[in-house]
Amino acid sequence: MSAKTRQTTRRAVVAGLALAPVAALPAFAGASPAPADPIFDAFAEFERMKASELAAWKAYNDLEESTASALEAAGIEPTQIFTHRRLETHHELGLMSDSEYAEASAALAGPESEHQAMWRAVEELTESSRVAAEALGEAEREFVTTAPTTRAGALQLLHHLAEFLSDDDVVNDRFLGDVAGDAIRNVIAVFESEALS
């Protein structure tokens, strides 16, 4: 799993915990139902995309591990398996000459081997996981740029931003990078204590 995948997955897990403190805020007696806040619809879509992305990466990881094990049992290194996609990548990166590329392309012109089919399936799940990660990023941006219209919505957004800013490499500032998320949490704590008093 790549560093980007680990980071995305970690962010997805902690962001999912952000709603709990807001949900715990008390309802005041006699209060009319809160008006709909568009940020909660945006947050729900973000949560759906997060679940979809996690499922996509899990499916990829499971298939990649089982395929690598099957190839190893057959005495084949995964790096020895060439598919059209891997061949193109190697050529684009300059890892093979034009003549080597032409020779390998000709070899791939025949029927696909069982091992090539297995690895192609892994590549297809890699692509679907990338698409799911892109959709998650877009949903998160939509959520963060939606203006809340209620106190609960504002607190939900603050919780999310605090977790986002607490990620290791989000804020590149040696004075504030490790405290930006805590600063937002301190603001949230004041709002929550006022709501309880």
N, C-alpha and C. Protein backbone atom coordinates (compact mmCIF):
# COMPACT_ATOMS: atom_id res chain seq x y z
N MET A 1 0.85 -1.18 0.00
CA MET A 1 0.00 0.00 0.00
C MET A 1 0.89 1.23 0.00
N SER A 2 0.55 2.20 -0.84
CA SER A 2 1.39 3.39 -0.96
C SER A 2 1.21 4.30 0.24
N ALA A 3 2.15 5.25 0.42
CA ALA A 3 2.04 6.22 1.51
C ALA A 3 0.78 7.04 1.35
N LYS A 4 0.45 7.40 0.09
CA LYS A 4 -0.76 8.19 -0.18
C LYS A 4 -2.00 7.41 0.25
N THR A 5 -2.03 6.11 -0.04
CA THR A 5 -3.16 5.28 0.35
C THR A 5 -3.29 5.23 1.85
N ARG A 6 -2.17 5.02 2.55
CA ARG A 6 -2.21 4.97 4.01
C ARG A 6 -2.72 6.29 4.56
N GLN A 7 -2.25 7.41 3.98
CA GLN A 7 -2.68 8.72 4.46
C GLN A 7 -4.17 8.90 4.23
N THR A 8 -4.64 8.55 3.04
CA THR A 8 -6.04 8.71 2.73
C THR A 8 -6.89 7.85 3.65
N THR A 9 -6.47 6.61 3.86
CA THR A 9 -7.23 5.72 4.72
C THR A 9 -7.25 6.24 6.15
N ARG A 10 -6.13 6.73 6.66
CA ARG A 10 -6.08 7.25 8.01
C ARG A 10 -7.00 8.44 8.15
N ARG A 11 -6.97 9.33 7.16
CA ARG A 11 -7.83 10.51 7.21
C ARG A 11 -9.29 10.08 7.19
N ALA A 12 -9.60 9.07 6.38
CA ALA A 12 -10.97 8.60 6.28
C ALA A 12 -11.47 8.06 7.61
N VAL A 13 -10.62 7.31 8.31
CA VAL A 13 -11.01 6.73 9.60
C VAL A 13 -11.25 7.81 10.64
N VAL A 14 -10.32 8.78 10.78
CA VAL A 14 -10.49 9.80 11.82
C VAL A 14 -11.62 10.75 11.48
N ALA A 15 -11.84 11.02 10.20
CA ALA A 15 -12.93 11.92 9.83
C ALA A 15 -14.27 11.30 10.19
N GLY A 16 -14.36 9.98 10.13
CA GLY A 16 -15.61 9.31 10.48
C GLY A 16 -15.96 9.45 11.95
N LEU A 17 -14.97 9.71 12.80
CA LEU A 17 -15.22 9.88 14.22
C LEU A 17 -15.68 11.29 14.58
N ALA A 18 -15.59 12.20 13.63
CA ALA A 18 -15.81 13.61 13.93
C ALA A 18 -17.25 13.94 14.29
N LEU A 19 -18.21 13.17 13.82
CA LEU A 19 -19.61 13.51 14.04
C LEU A 19 -20.06 13.23 15.46
N ALA A 20 -19.40 12.31 16.17
CA ALA A 20 -19.87 11.88 17.49
C ALA A 20 -20.08 13.01 18.48
N PRO A 21 -19.13 13.96 18.68
CA PRO A 21 -19.38 15.01 19.66
C PRO A 21 -20.57 15.89 19.30
N VAL A 22 -20.79 16.14 18.01
CA VAL A 22 -21.91 16.98 17.61
C VAL A 22 -23.22 16.25 17.89
N ALA A 23 -23.26 14.96 17.61
CA ALA A 23 -24.48 14.19 17.83
C ALA A 23 -24.84 14.14 19.31
N ALA A 24 -23.84 14.33 20.18
CA ALA A 24 -24.07 14.25 21.61
C ALA A 24 -24.63 15.55 22.19
N LEU A 25 -24.70 16.62 21.41
CA LEU A 25 -25.23 17.88 21.93
C LEU A 25 -26.69 17.69 22.33
N PRO A 26 -27.12 18.27 23.48
CA PRO A 26 -28.48 18.04 23.95
C PRO A 26 -29.51 18.79 23.11
N ALA A 27 -30.71 18.22 23.04
CA ALA A 27 -31.82 18.93 22.42
C ALA A 27 -32.48 19.76 23.52
N PHE A 28 -32.80 20.99 23.22
CA PHE A 28 -33.39 21.86 24.23
C PHE A 28 -34.91 21.70 24.21
N ALA A 29 -35.51 21.65 25.42
CA ALA A 29 -36.94 21.43 25.55
C ALA A 29 -37.71 22.51 24.81
N GLY A 30 -38.71 22.09 24.09
CA GLY A 30 -39.57 23.05 23.40
C GLY A 30 -38.95 23.62 22.14
N ALA A 31 -37.76 23.20 21.80
CA ALA A 31 -37.11 23.75 20.60
C ALA A 31 -37.76 23.14 19.37
N SER A 32 -37.96 23.98 18.37
CA SER A 32 -38.53 23.48 17.13
C SER A 32 -37.45 22.72 16.37
N PRO A 33 -37.85 21.82 15.48
CA PRO A 33 -36.84 21.06 14.72
C PRO A 33 -35.90 22.01 13.99
N ALA A 34 -34.64 21.66 14.00
CA ALA A 34 -33.64 22.51 13.35
C ALA A 34 -33.88 22.52 11.85
N PRO A 35 -33.69 23.69 11.22
CA PRO A 35 -33.83 23.73 9.77
C PRO A 35 -32.75 22.87 9.11
N ALA A 36 -33.08 22.40 7.94
CA ALA A 36 -32.11 21.56 7.22
C ALA A 36 -30.85 22.38 6.94
N ASP A 37 -29.70 21.76 7.20
CA ASP A 37 -28.42 22.39 6.94
C ASP A 37 -27.77 21.64 5.78
N PRO A 38 -27.48 22.33 4.68
CA PRO A 38 -26.92 21.62 3.51
C PRO A 38 -25.59 20.93 3.79
N ILE A 39 -24.91 21.34 4.84
CA ILE A 39 -23.61 20.72 5.10
C ILE A 39 -23.75 19.26 5.50
N PHE A 40 -24.90 18.89 6.09
CA PHE A 40 -25.07 17.50 6.49
C PHE A 40 -25.30 16.59 5.28
N ASP A 41 -25.96 17.11 4.24
CA ASP A 41 -26.08 16.33 3.00
C ASP A 41 -24.70 16.16 2.37
N ALA A 42 -23.90 17.23 2.38
CA ALA A 42 -22.55 17.15 1.81
C ALA A 42 -21.69 16.19 2.63
N PHE A 43 -21.86 16.22 3.95
CA PHE A 43 -21.11 15.30 4.81
C PHE A 43 -21.52 13.86 4.56
N ALA A 44 -22.83 13.62 4.38
CA ALA A 44 -23.32 12.26 4.12
C ALA A 44 -22.74 11.72 2.81
N GLU A 45 -22.65 12.58 1.79
CA GLU A 45 -22.06 12.16 0.52
C GLU A 45 -20.57 11.86 0.70
N PHE A 46 -19.89 12.67 1.47
CA PHE A 46 -18.48 12.43 1.78
C PHE A 46 -18.31 11.07 2.47
N GLU A 47 -19.19 10.77 3.42
CA GLU A 47 -19.12 9.49 4.12
C GLU A 47 -19.36 8.32 3.16
N ARG A 48 -20.30 8.49 2.22
CA ARG A 48 -20.55 7.43 1.24
C ARG A 48 -19.31 7.20 0.37
N MET A 49 -18.70 8.29 -0.08
CA MET A 49 -17.52 8.17 -0.92
C MET A 49 -16.34 7.58 -0.13
N LYS A 50 -16.27 7.92 1.15
CA LYS A 50 -15.21 7.36 1.99
C LYS A 50 -15.37 5.85 2.12
N ALA A 51 -16.59 5.39 2.35
CA ALA A 51 -16.85 3.95 2.46
C ALA A 51 -16.53 3.26 1.13
N SER A 52 -16.89 3.90 0.04
CA SER A 52 -16.62 3.33 -1.28
C SER A 52 -15.11 3.23 -1.53
N GLU A 53 -14.37 4.27 -1.16
CA GLU A 53 -12.93 4.25 -1.36
C GLU A 53 -12.25 3.19 -0.50
N LEU A 54 -12.69 3.07 0.75
CA LEU A 54 -12.11 2.05 1.63
C LEU A 54 -12.37 0.65 1.09
N ALA A 55 -13.59 0.43 0.58
CA ALA A 55 -13.92 -0.88 0.01
C ALA A 55 -13.08 -1.17 -1.23
N ALA A 56 -12.87 -0.13 -2.06
CA ALA A 56 -12.08 -0.31 -3.28
C ALA A 56 -10.64 -0.67 -2.94
N TRP A 57 -10.04 0.03 -1.97
CA TRP A 57 -8.65 -0.27 -1.61
C TRP A 57 -8.54 -1.63 -0.93
N LYS A 58 -9.56 -2.02 -0.15
CA LYS A 58 -9.52 -3.34 0.49
C LYS A 58 -9.57 -4.43 -0.58
N ALA A 59 -10.46 -4.26 -1.56
CA ALA A 59 -10.55 -5.25 -2.64
C ALA A 59 -9.24 -5.34 -3.39
N TYR A 60 -8.62 -4.18 -3.66
CA TYR A 60 -7.33 -4.18 -4.36
C TYR A 60 -6.27 -4.90 -3.52
N ASN A 61 -6.16 -4.53 -2.24
CA ASN A 61 -5.14 -5.14 -1.39
C ASN A 61 -5.32 -6.65 -1.28
N ASP A 62 -6.57 -7.09 -1.10
CA ASP A 62 -6.84 -8.53 -0.98
C ASP A 62 -6.43 -9.27 -2.26
N LEU A 63 -6.83 -8.72 -3.42
CA LEU A 63 -6.51 -9.39 -4.68
C LEU A 63 -5.01 -9.35 -4.97
N GLU A 64 -4.38 -8.22 -4.68
CA GLU A 64 -2.94 -8.10 -4.92
C GLU A 64 -2.17 -9.12 -4.08
N GLU A 65 -2.56 -9.27 -2.81
CA GLU A 65 -1.88 -10.23 -1.94
C GLU A 65 -2.10 -11.66 -2.40
N SER A 66 -3.35 -12.01 -2.74
CA SER A 66 -3.62 -13.38 -3.16
C SER A 66 -2.96 -13.69 -4.50
N THR A 67 -2.92 -12.71 -5.40
CA THR A 67 -2.27 -12.92 -6.70
C THR A 67 -0.77 -13.08 -6.53
N ALA A 68 -0.16 -12.22 -5.71
CA ALA A 68 1.28 -12.34 -5.47
C ALA A 68 1.61 -13.69 -4.86
N SER A 69 0.76 -14.17 -3.94
CA SER A 69 0.99 -15.49 -3.31
C SER A 69 0.88 -16.61 -4.33
N ALA A 70 -0.14 -16.51 -5.22
CA ALA A 70 -0.31 -17.55 -6.24
C ALA A 70 0.86 -17.56 -7.21
N LEU A 71 1.34 -16.40 -7.59
CA LEU A 71 2.49 -16.33 -8.49
C LEU A 71 3.74 -16.87 -7.81
N GLU A 72 3.91 -16.52 -6.55
CA GLU A 72 5.09 -17.01 -5.80
C GLU A 72 5.05 -18.53 -5.70
N ALA A 73 3.86 -19.08 -5.48
CA ALA A 73 3.72 -20.54 -5.40
C ALA A 73 4.07 -21.20 -6.73
N ALA A 74 3.87 -20.46 -7.82
CA ALA A 74 4.21 -20.99 -9.15
C ALA A 74 5.65 -20.68 -9.52
N GLY A 75 6.39 -20.04 -8.60
CA GLY A 75 7.79 -19.71 -8.85
C GLY A 75 7.97 -18.51 -9.76
N ILE A 76 6.99 -17.61 -9.77
CA ILE A 76 7.04 -16.44 -10.66
C ILE A 76 7.00 -15.16 -9.81
N GLU A 77 7.91 -14.26 -10.10
CA GLU A 77 7.89 -12.95 -9.44
C GLU A 77 6.86 -12.07 -10.16
N PRO A 78 6.04 -11.33 -9.42
CA PRO A 78 5.06 -10.44 -10.07
C PRO A 78 5.72 -9.47 -11.06
N THR A 79 6.95 -9.06 -10.76
CA THR A 79 7.64 -8.12 -11.66
C THR A 79 7.98 -8.76 -13.01
N GLN A 80 7.91 -10.11 -13.09
CA GLN A 80 8.19 -10.80 -14.34
C GLN A 80 6.97 -10.85 -15.26
N ILE A 81 5.80 -10.51 -14.72
CA ILE A 81 4.57 -10.58 -15.50
C ILE A 81 4.37 -9.26 -16.23
N PHE A 82 4.30 -9.30 -17.54
CA PHE A 82 4.05 -8.09 -18.31
C PHE A 82 2.64 -8.10 -18.88
N THR A 83 1.93 -7.03 -18.59
CA THR A 83 0.63 -6.77 -19.20
C THR A 83 0.83 -5.56 -20.10
N HIS A 84 -0.17 -5.24 -20.90
CA HIS A 84 -0.05 -4.08 -21.78
C HIS A 84 0.19 -2.80 -20.96
N ARG A 85 -0.52 -2.66 -19.85
CA ARG A 85 -0.37 -1.47 -19.02
C ARG A 85 1.03 -1.37 -18.42
N ARG A 86 1.52 -2.49 -17.89
CA ARG A 86 2.86 -2.47 -17.28
C ARG A 86 3.93 -2.22 -18.34
N LEU A 87 3.74 -2.77 -19.51
CA LEU A 87 4.68 -2.58 -20.61
C LEU A 87 4.74 -1.10 -20.99
N GLU A 88 3.57 -0.47 -21.13
CA GLU A 88 3.52 0.96 -21.46
C GLU A 88 4.22 1.79 -20.39
N THR A 89 3.96 1.46 -19.14
CA THR A 89 4.57 2.20 -18.03
C THR A 89 6.09 2.09 -18.06
N HIS A 90 6.59 0.87 -18.24
CA HIS A 90 8.04 0.67 -18.30
C HIS A 90 8.67 1.46 -19.44
N HIS A 91 8.01 1.47 -20.57
CA HIS A 91 8.54 2.18 -21.72
C HIS A 91 8.52 3.69 -21.48
N GLU A 92 7.40 4.21 -20.94
CA GLU A 92 7.29 5.64 -20.66
C GLU A 92 8.32 6.11 -19.64
N LEU A 93 8.65 5.24 -18.68
CA LEU A 93 9.63 5.59 -17.66
C LEU A 93 11.07 5.39 -18.12
N GLY A 94 11.24 4.91 -19.34
CA GLY A 94 12.59 4.70 -19.86
C GLY A 94 13.27 3.47 -19.30
N LEU A 95 12.48 2.52 -18.78
CA LEU A 95 13.05 1.31 -18.20
C LEU A 95 13.35 0.26 -19.26
N MET A 96 12.93 0.52 -20.49
CA MET A 96 13.27 -0.38 -21.59
C MET A 96 13.43 0.45 -22.86
N SER A 97 14.30 -0.04 -23.72
CA SER A 97 14.57 0.65 -24.99
C SER A 97 13.39 0.44 -25.95
N ASP A 98 13.40 1.19 -27.04
CA ASP A 98 12.35 1.04 -28.05
C ASP A 98 12.34 -0.37 -28.62
N SER A 99 13.53 -0.92 -28.83
CA SER A 99 13.59 -2.27 -29.40
C SER A 99 13.07 -3.31 -28.40
N GLU A 100 13.42 -3.15 -27.11
CA GLU A 100 12.91 -4.06 -26.08
C GLU A 100 11.39 -3.95 -25.98
N TYR A 101 10.90 -2.71 -26.08
CA TYR A 101 9.46 -2.46 -26.01
C TYR A 101 8.76 -3.14 -27.20
N ALA A 102 9.33 -2.99 -28.40
CA ALA A 102 8.73 -3.59 -29.59
C ALA A 102 8.71 -5.12 -29.47
N GLU A 103 9.80 -5.69 -28.97
CA GLU A 103 9.88 -7.14 -28.81
C GLU A 103 8.86 -7.64 -27.79
N ALA A 104 8.75 -6.93 -26.66
CA ALA A 104 7.79 -7.32 -25.62
C ALA A 104 6.35 -7.14 -26.10
N SER A 105 6.10 -6.08 -26.86
CA SER A 105 4.76 -5.85 -27.40
C SER A 105 4.35 -6.98 -28.33
N ALA A 106 5.30 -7.43 -29.14
CA ALA A 106 5.01 -8.54 -30.05
C ALA A 106 4.69 -9.81 -29.27
N ALA A 107 5.39 -10.02 -28.17
CA ALA A 107 5.14 -11.20 -27.34
C ALA A 107 3.74 -11.15 -26.71
N LEU A 108 3.25 -9.93 -26.45
CA LEU A 108 1.93 -9.78 -25.85
C LEU A 108 0.81 -9.89 -26.87
N ALA A 109 1.16 -9.96 -28.16
CA ALA A 109 0.14 -10.01 -29.20
C ALA A 109 -0.63 -11.33 -29.18
N GLY A 110 -0.03 -12.35 -28.61
CA GLY A 110 -0.69 -13.66 -28.56
C GLY A 110 -1.74 -13.70 -27.46
N PRO A 111 -2.29 -14.88 -27.23
CA PRO A 111 -3.30 -15.04 -26.18
C PRO A 111 -2.73 -14.69 -24.80
N GLU A 112 -3.57 -14.13 -23.97
CA GLU A 112 -3.16 -13.75 -22.61
C GLU A 112 -2.98 -15.00 -21.77
N SER A 113 -1.87 -15.05 -21.04
CA SER A 113 -1.64 -16.20 -20.17
C SER A 113 -2.48 -16.06 -18.90
N GLU A 114 -2.60 -17.15 -18.19
CA GLU A 114 -3.35 -17.15 -16.92
C GLU A 114 -2.75 -16.14 -15.95
N HIS A 115 -1.42 -16.10 -15.87
CA HIS A 115 -0.75 -15.19 -14.94
C HIS A 115 -0.93 -13.73 -15.37
N GLN A 116 -0.91 -13.48 -16.68
CA GLN A 116 -1.15 -12.12 -17.15
C GLN A 116 -2.58 -11.69 -16.82
N ALA A 117 -3.53 -12.58 -16.97
CA ALA A 117 -4.93 -12.26 -16.65
C ALA A 117 -5.08 -11.95 -15.17
N MET A 118 -4.38 -12.72 -14.34
CA MET A 118 -4.44 -12.47 -12.89
C MET A 118 -3.91 -11.07 -12.57
N TRP A 119 -2.76 -10.73 -13.17
CA TRP A 119 -2.16 -9.44 -12.85
C TRP A 119 -2.95 -8.27 -13.47
N ARG A 120 -3.56 -8.52 -14.62
CA ARG A 120 -4.40 -7.48 -15.24
C ARG A 120 -5.58 -7.16 -14.33
N ALA A 121 -6.14 -8.18 -13.67
CA ALA A 121 -7.24 -7.94 -12.73
C ALA A 121 -6.79 -7.05 -11.57
N VAL A 122 -5.56 -7.26 -11.11
CA VAL A 122 -5.01 -6.40 -10.05
C VAL A 122 -4.90 -4.97 -10.56
N GLU A 123 -4.40 -4.80 -11.77
CA GLU A 123 -4.25 -3.46 -12.35
C GLU A 123 -5.60 -2.76 -12.48
N GLU A 124 -6.63 -3.52 -12.86
CA GLU A 124 -7.96 -2.92 -13.00
C GLU A 124 -8.49 -2.44 -11.66
N LEU A 125 -8.24 -3.21 -10.59
CA LEU A 125 -8.66 -2.76 -9.26
C LEU A 125 -7.83 -1.57 -8.79
N THR A 126 -6.57 -1.50 -9.20
CA THR A 126 -5.76 -0.32 -8.89
C THR A 126 -6.41 0.92 -9.48
N GLU A 127 -6.86 0.82 -10.72
CA GLU A 127 -7.48 1.95 -11.39
C GLU A 127 -8.81 2.31 -10.73
N SER A 128 -9.62 1.32 -10.38
CA SER A 128 -10.90 1.63 -9.74
C SER A 128 -10.68 2.25 -8.36
N SER A 129 -9.62 1.85 -7.68
CA SER A 129 -9.29 2.46 -6.38
C SER A 129 -8.85 3.90 -6.56
N ARG A 130 -8.10 4.17 -7.63
CA ARG A 130 -7.69 5.55 -7.91
C ARG A 130 -8.91 6.42 -8.21
N VAL A 131 -9.85 5.90 -8.97
CA VAL A 131 -11.07 6.65 -9.29
C VAL A 131 -11.87 6.91 -8.02
N ALA A 132 -11.97 5.91 -7.14
CA ALA A 132 -12.70 6.08 -5.88
C ALA A 132 -12.03 7.11 -4.99
N ALA A 133 -10.69 7.14 -4.98
CA ALA A 133 -9.96 8.14 -4.19
C ALA A 133 -10.20 9.54 -4.73
N GLU A 134 -10.27 9.65 -6.05
CA GLU A 134 -10.55 10.96 -6.68
C GLU A 134 -11.96 11.43 -6.32
N ALA A 135 -12.93 10.52 -6.36
CA ALA A 135 -14.31 10.86 -6.00
C ALA A 135 -14.40 11.27 -4.54
N LEU A 136 -13.63 10.59 -3.67
CA LEU A 136 -13.61 10.96 -2.25
C LEU A 136 -13.06 12.37 -2.08
N GLY A 137 -11.97 12.68 -2.77
CA GLY A 137 -11.40 14.02 -2.67
C GLY A 137 -12.37 15.10 -3.11
N GLU A 138 -13.10 14.83 -4.19
CA GLU A 138 -14.09 15.80 -4.67
C GLU A 138 -15.22 15.97 -3.68
N ALA A 139 -15.69 14.85 -3.09
CA ALA A 139 -16.76 14.92 -2.10
C ALA A 139 -16.30 15.66 -0.84
N GLU A 140 -15.05 15.46 -0.45
CA GLU A 140 -14.54 16.15 0.73
C GLU A 140 -14.45 17.65 0.46
N ARG A 141 -14.01 18.00 -0.73
CA ARG A 141 -13.94 19.43 -1.08
C ARG A 141 -15.34 20.06 -1.08
N GLU A 142 -16.32 19.34 -1.62
CA GLU A 142 -17.69 19.85 -1.63
C GLU A 142 -18.20 20.06 -0.20
N PHE A 143 -17.92 19.10 0.66
CA PHE A 143 -18.32 19.21 2.07
C PHE A 143 -17.66 20.41 2.74
N VAL A 144 -16.36 20.55 2.57
CA VAL A 144 -15.62 21.63 3.25
C VAL A 144 -16.00 23.01 2.71
N THR A 145 -16.40 23.09 1.46
CA THR A 145 -16.74 24.40 0.89
C THR A 145 -18.22 24.72 1.01
N THR A 146 -19.01 23.82 1.57
CA THR A 146 -20.43 24.10 1.82
C THR A 146 -20.55 24.94 3.09
N ALA A 147 -21.24 26.06 2.99
CA ALA A 147 -21.39 26.94 4.16
C ALA A 147 -22.46 26.38 5.09
N PRO A 148 -22.11 26.12 6.35
CA PRO A 148 -23.12 25.62 7.29
C PRO A 148 -24.15 26.70 7.62
N THR A 149 -25.35 26.28 7.93
CA THR A 149 -26.40 27.24 8.29
C THR A 149 -26.90 27.05 9.71
N THR A 150 -26.34 26.09 10.43
CA THR A 150 -26.73 25.84 11.82
C THR A 150 -25.47 25.70 12.68
N ARG A 151 -25.69 25.83 13.98
CA ARG A 151 -24.58 25.66 14.92
C ARG A 151 -24.00 24.24 14.82
N ALA A 152 -24.89 23.25 14.76
CA ALA A 152 -24.42 21.86 14.67
C ALA A 152 -23.62 21.65 13.38
N GLY A 153 -24.07 22.25 12.30
CA GLY A 153 -23.34 22.14 11.04
C GLY A 153 -21.98 22.79 11.12
N ALA A 154 -21.92 23.96 11.77
CA ALA A 154 -20.64 24.65 11.93
C ALA A 154 -19.68 23.82 12.77
N LEU A 155 -20.20 23.21 13.83
CA LEU A 155 -19.36 22.37 14.68
C LEU A 155 -18.87 21.13 13.92
N GLN A 156 -19.76 20.56 13.09
CA GLN A 156 -19.35 19.40 12.29
C GLN A 156 -18.18 19.76 11.38
N LEU A 157 -18.28 20.91 10.74
CA LEU A 157 -17.21 21.35 9.85
C LEU A 157 -15.92 21.61 10.62
N LEU A 158 -16.04 22.22 11.79
CA LEU A 158 -14.85 22.48 12.61
C LEU A 158 -14.18 21.18 13.05
N HIS A 159 -14.98 20.20 13.43
CA HIS A 159 -14.42 18.89 13.82
C HIS A 159 -13.62 18.29 12.66
N HIS A 160 -14.21 18.35 11.49
CA HIS A 160 -13.54 17.78 10.32
C HIS A 160 -12.23 18.51 10.02
N LEU A 161 -12.28 19.84 10.05
CA LEU A 161 -11.08 20.62 9.77
C LEU A 161 -9.99 20.37 10.81
N ALA A 162 -10.38 20.19 12.07
CA ALA A 162 -9.39 19.91 13.11
C ALA A 162 -8.67 18.60 12.82
N GLU A 163 -9.43 17.57 12.44
CA GLU A 163 -8.80 16.28 12.12
C GLU A 163 -7.93 16.40 10.86
N PHE A 164 -8.43 17.12 9.87
CA PHE A 164 -7.68 17.31 8.64
C PHE A 164 -6.34 17.99 8.91
N LEU A 165 -6.37 19.05 9.71
CA LEU A 165 -5.14 19.80 10.01
C LEU A 165 -4.19 19.03 10.92
N SER A 166 -4.70 18.03 11.60
CA SER A 166 -3.85 17.23 12.48
C SER A 166 -3.07 16.16 11.71
N ASP A 167 -3.42 15.92 10.45
CA ASP A 167 -2.65 14.97 9.64
C ASP A 167 -1.21 15.45 9.56
N ASP A 168 -0.29 14.50 9.52
CA ASP A 168 1.13 14.79 9.64
C ASP A 168 1.67 15.79 8.62
N ASP A 169 1.21 15.73 7.39
CA ASP A 169 1.86 16.54 6.36
C ASP A 169 0.94 17.57 5.72
N VAL A 170 -0.15 17.93 6.38
CA VAL A 170 -1.09 18.88 5.79
C VAL A 170 -0.60 20.31 5.95
N VAL A 171 -0.22 20.69 7.17
CA VAL A 171 0.25 22.05 7.42
C VAL A 171 1.77 22.03 7.49
N ASN A 172 2.39 22.75 6.59
CA ASN A 172 3.86 22.79 6.54
C ASN A 172 4.33 24.08 7.22
N ASP A 173 4.26 24.09 8.52
CA ASP A 173 4.68 25.27 9.28
C ASP A 173 5.29 24.78 10.59
N ARG A 174 6.53 25.15 10.85
CA ARG A 174 7.19 24.59 12.04
C ARG A 174 6.68 25.17 13.34
N PHE A 175 5.93 26.27 13.29
CA PHE A 175 5.39 26.86 14.52
C PHE A 175 3.95 26.42 14.78
N LEU A 176 3.15 26.26 13.74
CA LEU A 176 1.73 25.98 13.93
C LEU A 176 1.30 24.61 13.43
N GLY A 177 2.14 23.94 12.67
CA GLY A 177 1.74 22.70 12.04
C GLY A 177 1.17 21.66 12.98
N ASP A 178 1.72 21.54 14.18
CA ASP A 178 1.26 20.49 15.09
C ASP A 178 0.19 20.97 16.07
N VAL A 179 -0.21 22.23 16.01
CA VAL A 179 -1.20 22.74 16.97
C VAL A 179 -2.45 23.31 16.31
N ALA A 180 -2.49 23.40 14.98
CA ALA A 180 -3.65 24.00 14.30
C ALA A 180 -4.93 23.23 14.61
N GLY A 181 -4.87 21.90 14.54
CA GLY A 181 -6.05 21.10 14.86
C GLY A 181 -6.49 21.28 16.29
N ASP A 182 -5.53 21.33 17.23
CA ASP A 182 -5.88 21.53 18.64
C ASP A 182 -6.52 22.89 18.87
N ALA A 183 -6.08 23.91 18.14
CA ALA A 183 -6.67 25.24 18.30
C ALA A 183 -8.14 25.21 17.93
N ILE A 184 -8.47 24.52 16.86
CA ILE A 184 -9.88 24.42 16.46
C ILE A 184 -10.66 23.61 17.49
N ARG A 185 -10.07 22.54 18.02
CA ARG A 185 -10.75 21.75 19.05
C ARG A 185 -11.03 22.59 20.30
N ASN A 186 -10.13 23.50 20.63
CA ASN A 186 -10.36 24.38 21.79
C ASN A 186 -11.56 25.28 21.55
N VAL A 187 -11.72 25.76 20.32
CA VAL A 187 -12.88 26.58 19.99
C VAL A 187 -14.16 25.75 20.09
N ILE A 188 -14.11 24.55 19.57
CA ILE A 188 -15.28 23.66 19.63
C ILE A 188 -15.66 23.40 21.09
N ALA A 189 -14.67 23.17 21.95
CA ALA A 189 -14.95 22.87 23.36
C ALA A 189 -15.72 24.02 24.00
N VAL A 190 -15.38 25.25 23.66
CA VAL A 190 -16.10 26.41 24.23
C VAL A 190 -17.55 26.38 23.76
N PHE A 191 -17.76 26.18 22.45
CA PHE A 191 -19.12 26.15 21.92
C PHE A 191 -19.93 25.03 22.57
N GLU A 192 -19.31 23.87 22.73
CA GLU A 192 -20.04 22.73 23.31
C GLU A 192 -20.34 22.96 24.78
N SER A 193 -19.42 23.56 25.53
CA SER A 193 -19.69 23.80 26.94
C SER A 193 -20.78 24.85 27.11
N GLU A 194 -20.82 25.84 26.20
CA GLU A 194 -21.90 26.84 26.26
C GLU A 194 -23.25 26.20 25.97
N ALA A 195 -23.26 25.25 25.05
CA ALA A 195 -24.52 24.59 24.71
C ALA A 195 -25.04 23.75 25.89
N LEU A 196 -24.11 23.23 26.70
CA LEU A 196 -24.50 22.40 27.83
C LEU A 196 -24.90 23.22 29.06
N SER A 197 -24.51 24.50 29.10
CA SER A 197 -24.79 25.30 30.30
C SER A 197 -26.16 25.97 30.23
